[in-house]
């Protein structure tokens, strides 16, 4: 009977180790898309910069929302580098969205204003 429990415990150990060591294959569909928006500094105090990569289009709109869902800032035609003055922003977390001309969200993220 001791042999049975010993073999059973070995089987459990080996099967749990094999499941924990499995990795997904690296296909292109599993990888995260490259980011189009780079922003700094985070947290920001007086200004925040948003840089857009080469894949952006100047017909995109860039919107910033507070945590209540109210739009607090919008850039209708983005340029490669945009600076947003945070003087009228309260302390807290804000969400940004980059949208194409059809209104589809291409990228979103969040940043913090610390005053």
PDB file of N, CA and C in Angstrom:
ATOM      1  N   UNK A   1       0.807  -1.187   0.000  1.00  0.00           N
ATOM      2  CA  UNK A   1       0.000   0.000   0.000  1.00  0.00           C
ATOM      3  C   UNK A   1       0.860   1.265   0.000  1.00  0.00           C
ATOM      4  N   UNK A   2       2.009   1.203   0.680  1.00  0.00           N
ATOM      5  CA  UNK A   2       2.903   2.346   0.709  1.00  0.00           C
ATOM      6  C   UNK A   2       3.444   2.635  -0.684  1.00  0.00           C
ATOM      7  N   UNK A   3       3.693   1.573  -1.454  1.00  0.00           N
ATOM      8  CA  UNK A   3       4.188   1.754  -2.826  1.00  0.00           C
ATOM      9  C   UNK A   3       3.155   2.487  -3.672  1.00  0.00           C
ATOM     10  N   UNK A   4       1.876   2.150  -3.466  1.00  0.00           N
ATOM     11  CA  UNK A   4       0.806   2.787  -4.227  1.00  0.00           C
ATOM     12  C   UNK A   4       0.778   4.300  -3.952  1.00  0.00           C
ATOM     13  N   UNK A   5       0.819   4.705  -2.691  1.00  0.00           N
ATOM     14  CA  UNK A   5       0.823   6.125  -2.336  1.00  0.00           C
ATOM     15  C   UNK A   5       2.082   6.834  -2.828  1.00  0.00           C
ATOM     16  N   UNK A   6       3.189   6.148  -2.782  1.00  0.00           N
ATOM     17  CA  UNK A   6       4.438   6.725  -3.260  1.00  0.00           C
ATOM     18  C   UNK A   6       4.366   6.991  -4.769  1.00  0.00           C
ATOM     19  N   UNK A   7       3.888   6.011  -5.511  1.00  0.00           N
ATOM     20  CA  UNK A   7       3.762   6.164  -6.967  1.00  0.00           C
ATOM     21  C   UNK A   7       2.734   7.247  -7.297  1.00  0.00           C
ATOM     22  N   UNK A   8       1.632   7.276  -6.571  1.00  0.00           N
ATOM     23  CA  UNK A   8       0.598   8.285  -6.793  1.00  0.00           C
ATOM     24  C   UNK A   8       1.135   9.695  -6.517  1.00  0.00           C
ATOM     25  N   UNK A   9       1.892   9.850  -5.444  1.00  0.00           N
ATOM     26  CA  UNK A   9       2.455  11.170  -5.145  1.00  0.00           C
ATOM     27  C   UNK A   9       3.483  11.579  -6.190  1.00  0.00           C
ATOM     28  N   UNK A  10       4.275  10.642  -6.699  1.00  0.00           N
ATOM     29  CA  UNK A  10       5.223  10.957  -7.766  1.00  0.00           C
ATOM     30  C   UNK A  10       4.508  11.410  -9.034  1.00  0.00           C
ATOM     31  N   UNK A  11       3.437  10.719  -9.385  1.00  0.00           N
ATOM     32  CA  UNK A  11       2.659  11.104 -10.561  1.00  0.00           C
ATOM     33  C   UNK A  11       2.082  12.511 -10.404  1.00  0.00           C
ATOM     34  N   UNK A  12       1.567  12.824  -9.227  1.00  0.00           N
ATOM     35  CA  UNK A  12       1.017  14.158  -8.995  1.00  0.00           C
ATOM     36  C   UNK A  12       2.090  15.228  -9.098  1.00  0.00           C
ATOM     37  N   UNK A  13       3.258  14.970  -8.547  1.00  0.00           N
ATOM     38  CA  UNK A  13       4.351  15.939  -8.595  1.00  0.00           C
ATOM     39  C   UNK A  13       4.787  16.184 -10.031  1.00  0.00           C
ATOM     40  N   UNK A  14       4.962  15.119 -10.804  1.00  0.00           N
ATOM     41  CA  UNK A  14       5.430  15.275 -12.180  1.00  0.00           C
ATOM     42  C   UNK A  14       4.387  15.923 -13.071  1.00  0.00           C
ATOM     43  N   UNK A  15       3.115  15.613 -12.872  1.00  0.00           N
ATOM     44  CA  UNK A  15       2.098  16.227 -13.728  1.00  0.00           C
ATOM     45  C   UNK A  15       1.926  17.705 -13.403  1.00  0.00           C
ATOM     46  N   UNK A  16       1.992  18.094 -12.135  1.00  0.00           N
ATOM     47  CA  UNK A  16       1.858  19.511 -11.810  1.00  0.00           C
ATOM     48  C   UNK A  16       3.069  20.297 -12.282  1.00  0.00           C
ATOM     49  N   UNK A  17       4.245  19.712 -12.243  1.00  0.00           N
ATOM     50  CA  UNK A  17       5.430  20.406 -12.740  1.00  0.00           C
ATOM     51  C   UNK A  17       5.370  20.575 -14.245  1.00  0.00           C
ATOM     52  N   UNK A  18       4.883  19.591 -14.944  1.00  0.00           N
ATOM     53  CA  UNK A  18       4.830  19.707 -16.402  1.00  0.00           C
ATOM     54  C   UNK A  18       3.813  20.752 -16.830  1.00  0.00           C
ATOM     55  N   UNK A  19       2.688  20.872 -16.109  1.00  0.00           N
ATOM     56  CA  UNK A  19       1.709  21.900 -16.448  1.00  0.00           C
ATOM     57  C   UNK A  19       2.237  23.293 -16.129  1.00  0.00           C
ATOM     58  N   UNK A  20       2.959  23.447 -15.040  1.00  0.00           N
ATOM     59  CA  UNK A  20       3.447  24.773 -14.667  1.00  0.00           C
ATOM     60  C   UNK A  20       4.584  25.233 -15.554  1.00  0.00           C
ATOM     61  N   UNK A  21       5.271  24.319 -16.222  1.00  0.00           N
ATOM     62  CA  UNK A  21       6.402  24.692 -17.052  1.00  0.00           C
ATOM     63  C   UNK A  21       6.036  24.878 -18.514  1.00  0.00           C
ATOM     64  N   UNK A  22       4.777  24.607 -18.883  1.00  0.00           N
ATOM     65  CA  UNK A  22       4.367  24.783 -20.270  1.00  0.00           C
ATOM     66  C   UNK A  22       4.347  26.261 -20.610  1.00  0.00           C
ATOM     67  N   UNK A  23       4.766  26.583 -21.819  1.00  0.00           N
ATOM     68  CA  UNK A  23       4.759  27.969 -22.292  1.00  0.00           C
ATOM     69  C   UNK A  23       3.989  28.010 -23.595  1.00  0.00           C
ATOM     70  N   UNK A  24       3.385  29.164 -23.852  1.00  0.00           N
ATOM     71  CA  UNK A  24       2.689  29.336 -25.120  1.00  0.00           C
ATOM     72  C   UNK A  24       3.704  29.492 -26.241  1.00  0.00           C
ATOM     73  N   UNK A  25       3.330  29.016 -27.393  1.00  0.00           N
ATOM     74  CA  UNK A  25       4.226  29.194 -28.532  1.00  0.00           C
ATOM     75  C   UNK A  25       4.225  30.656 -28.933  1.00  0.00           C
ATOM     76  N   UNK A  26       5.335  31.148 -29.405  1.00  0.00           N
ATOM     77  CA  UNK A  26       5.495  32.562 -29.733  1.00  0.00           C
ATOM     78  C   UNK A  26       4.997  32.900 -31.113  1.00  0.00           C
ATOM     79  N   UNK A  27       3.696  32.802 -31.344  1.00  0.00           N
ATOM     80  CA  UNK A  27       3.142  33.217 -32.629  1.00  0.00           C
ATOM     81  C   UNK A  27       2.893  34.703 -32.604  1.00  0.00           C
ATOM     82  N   UNK A  28       2.743  35.304 -33.719  1.00  0.00           N
ATOM     83  CA  UNK A  28       2.541  36.740 -33.817  1.00  0.00           C
ATOM     84  C   UNK A  28       1.238  37.203 -33.187  1.00  0.00           C
ATOM     85  N   UNK A  29       0.246  36.308 -33.058  1.00  0.00           N
ATOM     86  CA  UNK A  29      -1.040  36.700 -32.500  1.00  0.00           C
ATOM     87  C   UNK A  29      -1.002  36.816 -30.988  1.00  0.00           C
ATOM     88  N   UNK A  30      -0.052  36.166 -30.334  1.00  0.00           N
ATOM     89  CA  UNK A  30       0.026  36.204 -28.879  1.00  0.00           C
ATOM     90  C   UNK A  30       0.763  37.436 -28.382  1.00  0.00           C
ATOM     91  N   UNK A  31       1.530  38.089 -29.210  1.00  0.00           N
ATOM     92  CA  UNK A  31       2.336  39.215 -28.783  1.00  0.00           C
ATOM     93  C   UNK A  31       1.506  40.485 -28.729  1.00  0.00           C
ATOM     94  N   UNK A  32       1.842  41.346 -27.796  1.00  0.00           N
ATOM     95  CA  UNK A  32       1.139  42.620 -27.673  1.00  0.00           C
ATOM     96  C   UNK A  32       1.547  43.545 -28.820  1.00  0.00           C
ATOM     97  N   UNK A  33       0.601  44.321 -29.332  1.00  0.00           N
ATOM     98  CA  UNK A  33       0.956  45.249 -30.406  1.00  0.00           C
ATOM     99  C   UNK A  33       1.884  46.336 -29.882  1.00  0.00           C
ATOM    100  N   UNK A  34       2.675  46.884 -30.777  1.00  0.00           N
ATOM    101  CA  UNK A  34       3.613  47.925 -30.354  1.00  0.00           C
ATOM    102  C   UNK A  34       2.838  49.192 -29.999  1.00  0.00           C
ATOM    103  N   UNK A  35       3.373  49.928 -29.062  1.00  0.00           N
ATOM    104  CA  UNK A  35       2.719  51.140 -28.575  1.00  0.00           C
ATOM    105  C   UNK A  35       2.932  52.288 -29.560  1.00  0.00           C
ATOM    106  N   UNK A  36       1.875  53.063 -29.757  1.00  0.00           N
ATOM    107  CA  UNK A  36       1.961  54.238 -30.620  1.00  0.00           C
ATOM    108  C   UNK A  36       2.192  55.500 -29.805  1.00  0.00           C
ATOM    109  N   UNK A  37       1.846  55.457 -28.513  1.00  0.00           N
ATOM    110  CA  UNK A  37       1.926  56.642 -27.664  1.00  0.00           C
ATOM    111  C   UNK A  37       2.968  56.408 -26.571  1.00  0.00           C
ATOM    112  N   UNK A  38       3.873  57.360 -26.434  1.00  0.00           N
ATOM    113  CA  UNK A  38       4.849  57.361 -25.344  1.00  0.00           C
ATOM    114  C   UNK A  38       4.610  58.645 -24.575  1.00  0.00           C
ATOM    115  N   UNK A  39       4.466  58.554 -23.259  1.00  0.00           N
ATOM    116  CA  UNK A  39       4.192  59.752 -22.475  1.00  0.00           C
ATOM    117  C   UNK A  39       5.131  59.814 -21.275  1.00  0.00           C
ATOM    118  N   UNK A  40       5.471  61.033 -20.909  1.00  0.00           N
ATOM    119  CA  UNK A  40       6.401  61.273 -19.804  1.00  0.00           C
ATOM    120  C   UNK A  40       6.276  62.725 -19.363  1.00  0.00           C
ATOM    121  N   UNK A  41       6.572  63.066 -18.147  1.00  0.00           N
ATOM    122  CA  UNK A  41       6.867  62.201 -17.004  1.00  0.00           C
ATOM    123  C   UNK A  41       5.572  61.649 -16.424  1.00  0.00           C
ATOM    124  N   UNK A  42       5.677  60.580 -15.726  1.00  0.00           N
ATOM    125  CA  UNK A  42       4.522  59.991 -15.060  1.00  0.00           C
ATOM    126  C   UNK A  42       4.952  59.535 -13.682  1.00  0.00           C
ATOM    127  N   UNK A  43       4.485  60.120 -12.624  1.00  0.00           N
ATOM    128  CA  UNK A  43       3.442  61.133 -12.518  1.00  0.00           C
ATOM    129  C   UNK A  43       3.933  62.508 -12.968  1.00  0.00           C
ATOM    130  N   UNK A  44       2.998  63.299 -13.441  1.00  0.00           N
ATOM    131  CA  UNK A  44       3.297  64.639 -13.943  1.00  0.00           C
ATOM    132  C   UNK A  44       2.792  65.683 -12.955  1.00  0.00           C
ATOM    133  N   UNK A  45       3.435  66.840 -12.970  1.00  0.00           N
ATOM    134  CA  UNK A  45       3.012  67.907 -12.058  1.00  0.00           C
ATOM    135  C   UNK A  45       2.463  69.125 -12.791  1.00  0.00           C
ATOM    136  N   UNK A  46       3.196  69.644 -13.770  1.00  0.00           N
ATOM    137  CA  UNK A  46       2.745  70.855 -14.458  1.00  0.00           C
ATOM    138  C   UNK A  46       2.506  70.628 -15.952  1.00  0.00           C
ATOM    139  N   UNK A  47       3.264  69.750 -16.579  1.00  0.00           N
ATOM    140  CA  UNK A  47       3.133  69.434 -18.004  1.00  0.00           C
ATOM    141  C   UNK A  47       3.359  67.942 -18.204  1.00  0.00           C
ATOM    142  N   UNK A  48       2.777  67.404 -19.283  1.00  0.00           N
ATOM    143  CA  UNK A  48       3.045  66.031 -19.688  1.00  0.00           C
ATOM    144  C   UNK A  48       3.219  66.023 -21.200  1.00  0.00           C
ATOM    145  N   UNK A  49       4.161  65.233 -21.673  1.00  0.00           N
ATOM    146  CA  UNK A  49       4.450  65.142 -23.103  1.00  0.00           C
ATOM    147  C   UNK A  49       3.931  63.815 -23.641  1.00  0.00           C
ATOM    148  N   UNK A  50       3.343  63.890 -24.829  1.00  0.00           N
ATOM    149  CA  UNK A  50       2.875  62.702 -25.532  1.00  0.00           C
ATOM    150  C   UNK A  50       3.587  62.656 -26.871  1.00  0.00           C
ATOM    151  N   UNK A  51       4.363  61.617 -27.094  1.00  0.00           N
ATOM    152  CA  UNK A  51       5.055  61.412 -28.361  1.00  0.00           C
ATOM    153  C   UNK A  51       4.368  60.282 -29.112  1.00  0.00           C
ATOM    154  N   UNK A  52       4.172  60.475 -30.419  1.00  0.00           N
ATOM    155  CA  UNK A  52       3.521  59.476 -31.251  1.00  0.00           C
ATOM    156  C   UNK A  52       4.545  58.887 -32.214  1.00  0.00           C
ATOM    157  N   UNK A  53       4.483  57.583 -32.403  1.00  0.00           N
ATOM    158  CA  UNK A  53       5.428  56.903 -33.282  1.00  0.00           C
ATOM    159  C   UNK A  53       5.082  57.162 -34.736  1.00  0.00           C
ATOM    160  N   UNK A  54       5.894  56.622 -35.622  1.00  0.00           N
ATOM    161  CA  UNK A  54       5.736  56.871 -37.061  1.00  0.00           C
ATOM    162  C   UNK A  54       4.431  56.333 -37.620  1.00  0.00           C
ATOM    163  N   UNK A  55       3.781  55.394 -36.934  1.00  0.00           N
ATOM    164  CA  UNK A  55       2.557  54.799 -37.443  1.00  0.00           C
ATOM    165  C   UNK A  55       1.309  55.639 -37.259  1.00  0.00           C
ATOM    166  N   UNK A  56       1.450  56.823 -36.693  1.00  0.00           N
ATOM    167  CA  UNK A  56       0.263  57.634 -36.440  1.00  0.00           C
ATOM    168  C   UNK A  56      -0.117  58.424 -37.693  1.00  0.00           C
ATOM    169  N   UNK A  57      -1.320  58.932 -37.686  1.00  0.00           N
ATOM    170  CA  UNK A  57      -1.848  59.755 -38.774  1.00  0.00           C
ATOM    171  C   UNK A  57      -2.326  61.064 -38.151  1.00  0.00           C
ATOM    172  N   UNK A  58      -2.109  62.189 -38.839  1.00  0.00           N
ATOM    173  CA  UNK A  58      -2.502  63.469 -38.248  1.00  0.00           C
ATOM    174  C   UNK A  58      -4.017  63.663 -38.209  1.00  0.00           C
ATOM    175  N   UNK A  59      -4.780  62.735 -38.773  1.00  0.00           N
ATOM    176  CA  UNK A  59      -6.239  62.817 -38.660  1.00  0.00           C
ATOM    177  C   UNK A  59      -6.737  62.180 -37.362  1.00  0.00           C
ATOM    178  N   UNK A  60      -5.842  61.597 -36.564  1.00  0.00           N
ATOM    179  CA  UNK A  60      -6.219  61.006 -35.285  1.00  0.00           C
ATOM    180  C   UNK A  60      -6.584  62.101 -34.288  1.00  0.00           C
ATOM    181  N   UNK A  61      -7.447  61.759 -33.353  1.00  0.00           N
ATOM    182  CA  UNK A  61      -7.749  62.655 -32.244  1.00  0.00           C
ATOM    183  C   UNK A  61      -7.243  62.017 -30.955  1.00  0.00           C
ATOM    184  N   UNK A  62      -6.853  62.873 -30.041  1.00  0.00           N
ATOM    185  CA  UNK A  62      -6.308  62.438 -28.766  1.00  0.00           C
ATOM    186  C   UNK A  62      -7.145  63.085 -27.674  1.00  0.00           C
ATOM    187  N   UNK A  63      -7.713  62.263 -26.805  1.00  0.00           N
ATOM    188  CA  UNK A  63      -8.605  62.775 -25.776  1.00  0.00           C
ATOM    189  C   UNK A  63      -8.142  62.325 -24.396  1.00  0.00           C
ATOM    190  N   UNK A  64      -8.341  63.204 -23.416  1.00  0.00           N
ATOM    191  CA  UNK A  64      -8.001  62.902 -22.029  1.00  0.00           C
ATOM    192  C   UNK A  64      -9.273  63.019 -21.205  1.00  0.00           C
ATOM    193  N   UNK A  65      -9.529  61.989 -20.381  1.00  0.00           N
ATOM    194  CA  UNK A  65     -10.706  61.927 -19.525  1.00  0.00           C
ATOM    195  C   UNK A  65     -10.277  61.836 -18.062  1.00  0.00           C
ATOM    196  N   UNK A  66     -11.089  62.442 -17.167  1.00  0.00           N
ATOM    197  CA  UNK A  66     -10.841  62.247 -15.754  1.00  0.00           C
ATOM    198  C   UNK A  66     -11.487  60.924 -15.324  1.00  0.00           C
ATOM    199  N   UNK A  67     -11.349  60.564 -14.069  1.00  0.00           N
ATOM    200  CA  UNK A  67     -11.862  59.276 -13.616  1.00  0.00           C
ATOM    201  C   UNK A  67     -13.384  59.237 -13.531  1.00  0.00           C
ATOM    202  N   UNK A  68     -14.024  60.378 -13.648  1.00  0.00           N
ATOM    203  CA  UNK A  68     -15.490  60.424 -13.676  1.00  0.00           C
ATOM    204  C   UNK A  68     -16.017  60.222 -15.100  1.00  0.00           C
ATOM    205  N   UNK A  69     -15.112  60.161 -16.077  1.00  0.00           N
ATOM    206  CA  UNK A  69     -15.514  59.953 -17.455  1.00  0.00           C
ATOM    207  C   UNK A  69     -15.726  61.232 -18.238  1.00  0.00           C
ATOM    208  N   UNK A  70     -15.427  62.373 -17.644  1.00  0.00           N
ATOM    209  CA  UNK A  70     -15.607  63.654 -18.322  1.00  0.00           C
ATOM    210  C   UNK A  70     -14.367  63.973 -19.155  1.00  0.00           C
ATOM    211  N   UNK A  71     -14.595  64.367 -20.405  1.00  0.00           N
ATOM    212  CA  UNK A  71     -13.487  64.757 -21.265  1.00  0.00           C
ATOM    213  C   UNK A  71     -12.951  66.103 -20.798  1.00  0.00           C
ATOM    214  N   UNK A  72     -11.641  66.139 -20.491  1.00  0.00           N
ATOM    215  CA  UNK A  72     -11.046  67.372 -19.978  1.00  0.00           C
ATOM    216  C   UNK A  72     -10.086  68.010 -20.972  1.00  0.00           C
ATOM    217  N   UNK A  73      -9.687  67.288 -22.016  1.00  0.00           N
ATOM    218  CA  UNK A  73      -8.761  67.854 -22.995  1.00  0.00           C
ATOM    219  C   UNK A  73      -8.881  67.057 -24.293  1.00  0.00           C
ATOM    220  N   UNK A  74      -8.739  67.755 -25.426  1.00  0.00           N
ATOM    221  CA  UNK A  74      -8.779  67.082 -26.726  1.00  0.00           C
ATOM    222  C   UNK A  74      -7.822  67.771 -27.680  1.00  0.00           C
ATOM    223  N   UNK A  75      -7.097  66.952 -28.441  1.00  0.00           N
ATOM    224  CA  UNK A  75      -6.243  67.431 -29.532  1.00  0.00           C
ATOM    225  C   UNK A  75      -6.814  66.819 -30.794  1.00  0.00           C
ATOM    226  N   UNK A  76      -7.321  67.680 -31.698  1.00  0.00           N
ATOM    227  CA  UNK A  76      -8.023  67.157 -32.870  1.00  0.00           C
ATOM    228  C   UNK A  76      -7.085  66.670 -33.968  1.00  0.00           C
ATOM    229  N   UNK A  77      -5.946  67.281 -34.129  1.00  0.00           N
ATOM    230  CA  UNK A  77      -4.975  66.830 -35.129  1.00  0.00           C
ATOM    231  C   UNK A  77      -3.635  66.667 -34.431  1.00  0.00           C
ATOM    232  N   UNK A  78      -3.276  65.405 -34.179  1.00  0.00           N
ATOM    233  CA  UNK A  78      -2.056  65.150 -33.413  1.00  0.00           C
ATOM    234  C   UNK A  78      -0.817  65.394 -34.261  1.00  0.00           C
ATOM    235  N   UNK A  79       0.225  65.815 -33.600  1.00  0.00           N
ATOM    236  CA  UNK A  79       1.537  66.004 -34.211  1.00  0.00           C
ATOM    237  C   UNK A  79       2.482  64.979 -33.575  1.00  0.00           C
ATOM    238  N   UNK A  80       3.704  64.833 -34.079  1.00  0.00           N
ATOM    239  CA  UNK A  80       4.600  63.821 -33.486  1.00  0.00           C
ATOM    240  C   UNK A  80       4.853  64.030 -31.991  1.00  0.00           C
ATOM    241  N   UNK A  81       4.847  65.281 -31.520  1.00  0.00           N
ATOM    242  CA  UNK A  81       5.062  65.559 -30.094  1.00  0.00           C
ATOM    243  C   UNK A  81       4.035  66.591 -29.650  1.00  0.00           C
ATOM    244  N   UNK A  82       3.318  66.264 -28.575  1.00  0.00           N
ATOM    245  CA  UNK A  82       2.309  67.163 -28.033  1.00  0.00           C
ATOM    246  C   UNK A  82       2.567  67.362 -26.549  1.00  0.00           C
ATOM    247  N   UNK A  83       2.475  68.621 -26.105  1.00  0.00           N
ATOM    248  CA  UNK A  83       2.649  68.952 -24.703  1.00  0.00           C
ATOM    249  C   UNK A  83       1.305  69.413 -24.158  1.00  0.00           C
ATOM    250  N   UNK A  84       0.911  68.858 -23.025  1.00  0.00           N
ATOM    251  CA  UNK A  84      -0.350  69.244 -22.393  1.00  0.00           C
ATOM    252  C   UNK A  84      -0.038  69.929 -21.072  1.00  0.00           C
ATOM    253  N   UNK A  85      -0.524  71.167 -20.929  1.00  0.00           N
ATOM    254  CA  UNK A  85      -0.367  71.918 -19.693  1.00  0.00           C
ATOM    255  C   UNK A  85      -1.398  71.407 -18.687  1.00  0.00           C
ATOM    256  N   UNK A  86      -0.952  71.096 -17.484  1.00  0.00           N
ATOM    257  CA  UNK A  86      -1.817  70.488 -16.477  1.00  0.00           C
ATOM    258  C   UNK A  86      -2.275  71.471 -15.402  1.00  0.00           C
ATOM    259  N   UNK A  87      -2.192  72.776 -15.662  1.00  0.00           N
ATOM    260  CA  UNK A  87      -2.593  73.765 -14.664  1.00  0.00           C
ATOM    261  C   UNK A  87      -4.065  73.639 -14.281  1.00  0.00           C
ATOM    262  N   UNK A  88      -4.929  73.301 -15.224  1.00  0.00           N
ATOM    263  CA  UNK A  88      -6.367  73.180 -14.945  1.00  0.00           C
ATOM    264  C   UNK A  88      -6.776  71.761 -14.555  1.00  0.00           C
ATOM    265  N   UNK A  89      -5.827  70.869 -14.388  1.00  0.00           N
ATOM    266  CA  UNK A  89      -6.112  69.491 -14.006  1.00  0.00           C
ATOM    267  C   UNK A  89      -5.986  69.364 -12.485  1.00  0.00           C
ATOM    268  N   UNK A  90      -6.888  68.596 -11.883  1.00  0.00           N
ATOM    269  CA  UNK A  90      -6.792  68.299 -10.461  1.00  0.00           C
ATOM    270  C   UNK A  90      -5.877  67.104 -10.254  1.00  0.00           C
ATOM    271  N   UNK A  91      -5.436  66.916  -9.039  1.00  0.00           N
ATOM    272  CA  UNK A  91      -4.621  65.758  -8.690  1.00  0.00           C
ATOM    273  C   UNK A  91      -5.448  64.483  -8.888  1.00  0.00           C
ATOM    274  N   UNK A  92      -4.846  63.456  -9.494  1.00  0.00           N
ATOM    275  CA  UNK A  92      -5.552  62.193  -9.677  1.00  0.00           C
ATOM    276  C   UNK A  92      -5.090  61.438 -10.903  1.00  0.00           C
ATOM    277  N   UNK A  93      -5.855  60.427 -11.271  1.00  0.00           N
ATOM    278  CA  UNK A  93      -5.564  59.560 -12.410  1.00  0.00           C
ATOM    279  C   UNK A  93      -6.409  60.013 -13.594  1.00  0.00           C
ATOM    280  N   UNK A  94      -5.786  60.061 -14.768  1.00  0.00           N
ATOM    281  CA  UNK A  94      -6.471  60.439 -16.003  1.00  0.00           C
ATOM    282  C   UNK A  94      -6.257  59.355 -17.049  1.00  0.00           C
ATOM    283  N   UNK A  95      -7.215  59.226 -17.929  1.00  0.00           N
ATOM    284  CA  UNK A  95      -7.168  58.224 -18.998  1.00  0.00           C
ATOM    285  C   UNK A  95      -7.079  58.942 -20.331  1.00  0.00           C
ATOM    286  N   UNK A  96      -6.188  58.458 -21.205  1.00  0.00           N
ATOM    287  CA  UNK A  96      -6.109  59.037 -22.547  1.00  0.00           C
ATOM    288  C   UNK A  96      -6.518  57.988 -23.573  1.00  0.00           C
ATOM    289  N   UNK A  97      -7.028  58.481 -24.689  1.00  0.00           N
ATOM    290  CA  UNK A  97      -7.415  57.620 -25.807  1.00  0.00           C
ATOM    291  C   UNK A  97      -6.962  58.260 -27.108  1.00  0.00           C
ATOM    292  N   UNK A  98      -6.372  57.448 -27.958  1.00  0.00           N
ATOM    293  CA  UNK A  98      -6.016  57.852 -29.311  1.00  0.00           C
ATOM    294  C   UNK A  98      -7.031  57.203 -30.238  1.00  0.00           C
ATOM    295  N   UNK A  99      -7.761  58.031 -30.990  1.00  0.00           N
ATOM    296  CA  UNK A  99      -8.832  57.525 -31.856  1.00  0.00           C
ATOM    297  C   UNK A  99      -8.553  57.872 -33.308  1.00  0.00           C
ATOM    298  N   UNK A 100      -8.984  56.979 -34.211  1.00  0.00           N
ATOM    299  CA  UNK A 100      -8.855  57.264 -35.638  1.00  0.00           C
ATOM    300  C   UNK A 100     -10.037  58.112 -36.093  1.00  0.00           C
ATOM    301  N   UNK A 101     -10.087  58.421 -37.386  1.00  0.00           N
ATOM    302  CA  UNK A 101     -11.133  59.321 -37.891  1.00  0.00           C
ATOM    303  C   UNK A 101     -12.529  58.716 -37.808  1.00  0.00           C
ATOM    304  N   UNK A 102     -12.632  57.385 -37.651  1.00  0.00           N
ATOM    305  CA  UNK A 102     -13.928  56.725 -37.501  1.00  0.00           C
ATOM    306  C   UNK A 102     -14.350  56.607 -36.038  1.00  0.00           C
ATOM    307  N   UNK A 103     -13.517  57.073 -35.120  1.00  0.00           N
ATOM    308  CA  UNK A 103     -13.848  57.015 -33.706  1.00  0.00           C
ATOM    309  C   UNK A 103     -13.410  55.741 -33.008  1.00  0.00           C
ATOM    310  N   UNK A 104     -12.711  54.883 -33.722  1.00  0.00           N
ATOM    311  CA  UNK A 104     -12.233  53.631 -33.121  1.00  0.00           C
ATOM    312  C   UNK A 104     -11.017  53.916 -32.244  1.00  0.00           C
ATOM    313  N   UNK A 105     -11.004  53.381 -31.033  1.00  0.00           N
ATOM    314  CA  UNK A 105      -9.889  53.591 -30.107  1.00  0.00           C
ATOM    315  C   UNK A 105      -8.713  52.724 -30.543  1.00  0.00           C
ATOM    316  N   UNK A 106      -7.600  53.386 -30.873  1.00  0.00           N
ATOM    317  CA  UNK A 106      -6.398  52.685 -31.294  1.00  0.00           C
ATOM    318  C   UNK A 106      -5.511  52.335 -30.111  1.00  0.00           C
ATOM    319  N   UNK A 107      -5.475  53.224 -29.138  1.00  0.00           N
ATOM    320  CA  UNK A 107      -4.668  52.978 -27.952  1.00  0.00           C
ATOM    321  C   UNK A 107      -5.207  53.808 -26.800  1.00  0.00           C
ATOM    322  N   UNK A 108      -5.087  53.274 -25.617  1.00  0.00           N
ATOM    323  CA  UNK A 108      -5.489  54.011 -24.430  1.00  0.00           C
ATOM    324  C   UNK A 108      -4.494  53.713 -23.314  1.00  0.00           C
ATOM    325  N   UNK A 109      -4.516  54.547 -22.321  1.00  0.00           N
ATOM    326  CA  UNK A 109      -3.624  54.372 -21.192  1.00  0.00           C
ATOM    327  C   UNK A 109      -4.010  55.331 -20.089  1.00  0.00           C
ATOM    328  N   UNK A 110      -3.221  55.329 -19.030  1.00  0.00           N
ATOM    329  CA  UNK A 110      -3.521  56.221 -17.930  1.00  0.00           C
ATOM    330  C   UNK A 110      -2.245  56.854 -17.413  1.00  0.00           C
ATOM    331  N   UNK A 111      -2.408  58.014 -16.821  1.00  0.00           N
ATOM    332  CA  UNK A 111      -1.278  58.709 -16.212  1.00  0.00           C
ATOM    333  C   UNK A 111      -1.785  59.401 -14.946  1.00  0.00           C
ATOM    334  N   UNK A 112      -0.841  59.816 -14.138  1.00  0.00           N
ATOM    335  CA  UNK A 112      -1.181  60.421 -12.857  1.00  0.00           C
ATOM    336  C   UNK A 112      -0.717  61.867 -12.812  1.00  0.00           C
ATOM    337  N   UNK A 113      -1.574  62.721 -12.267  1.00  0.00           N
ATOM    338  CA  UNK A 113      -1.221  64.113 -12.005  1.00  0.00           C
ATOM    339  C   UNK A 113      -1.018  64.231 -10.504  1.00  0.00           C
ATOM    340  N   UNK A 114       0.188  64.643 -10.120  1.00  0.00           N
ATOM    341  CA  UNK A 114       0.523  64.798  -8.694  1.00  0.00           C
ATOM    342  C   UNK A 114       0.921  66.239  -8.449  1.00  0.00           C
ATOM    343  N   UNK A 115       0.069  66.972  -7.774  1.00  0.00           N
ATOM    344  CA  UNK A 115       0.347  68.392  -7.478  1.00  0.00           C
ATOM    345  C   UNK A 115       0.589  68.578  -6.009  1.00  0.00           C
TER     346      UNK A 115
END
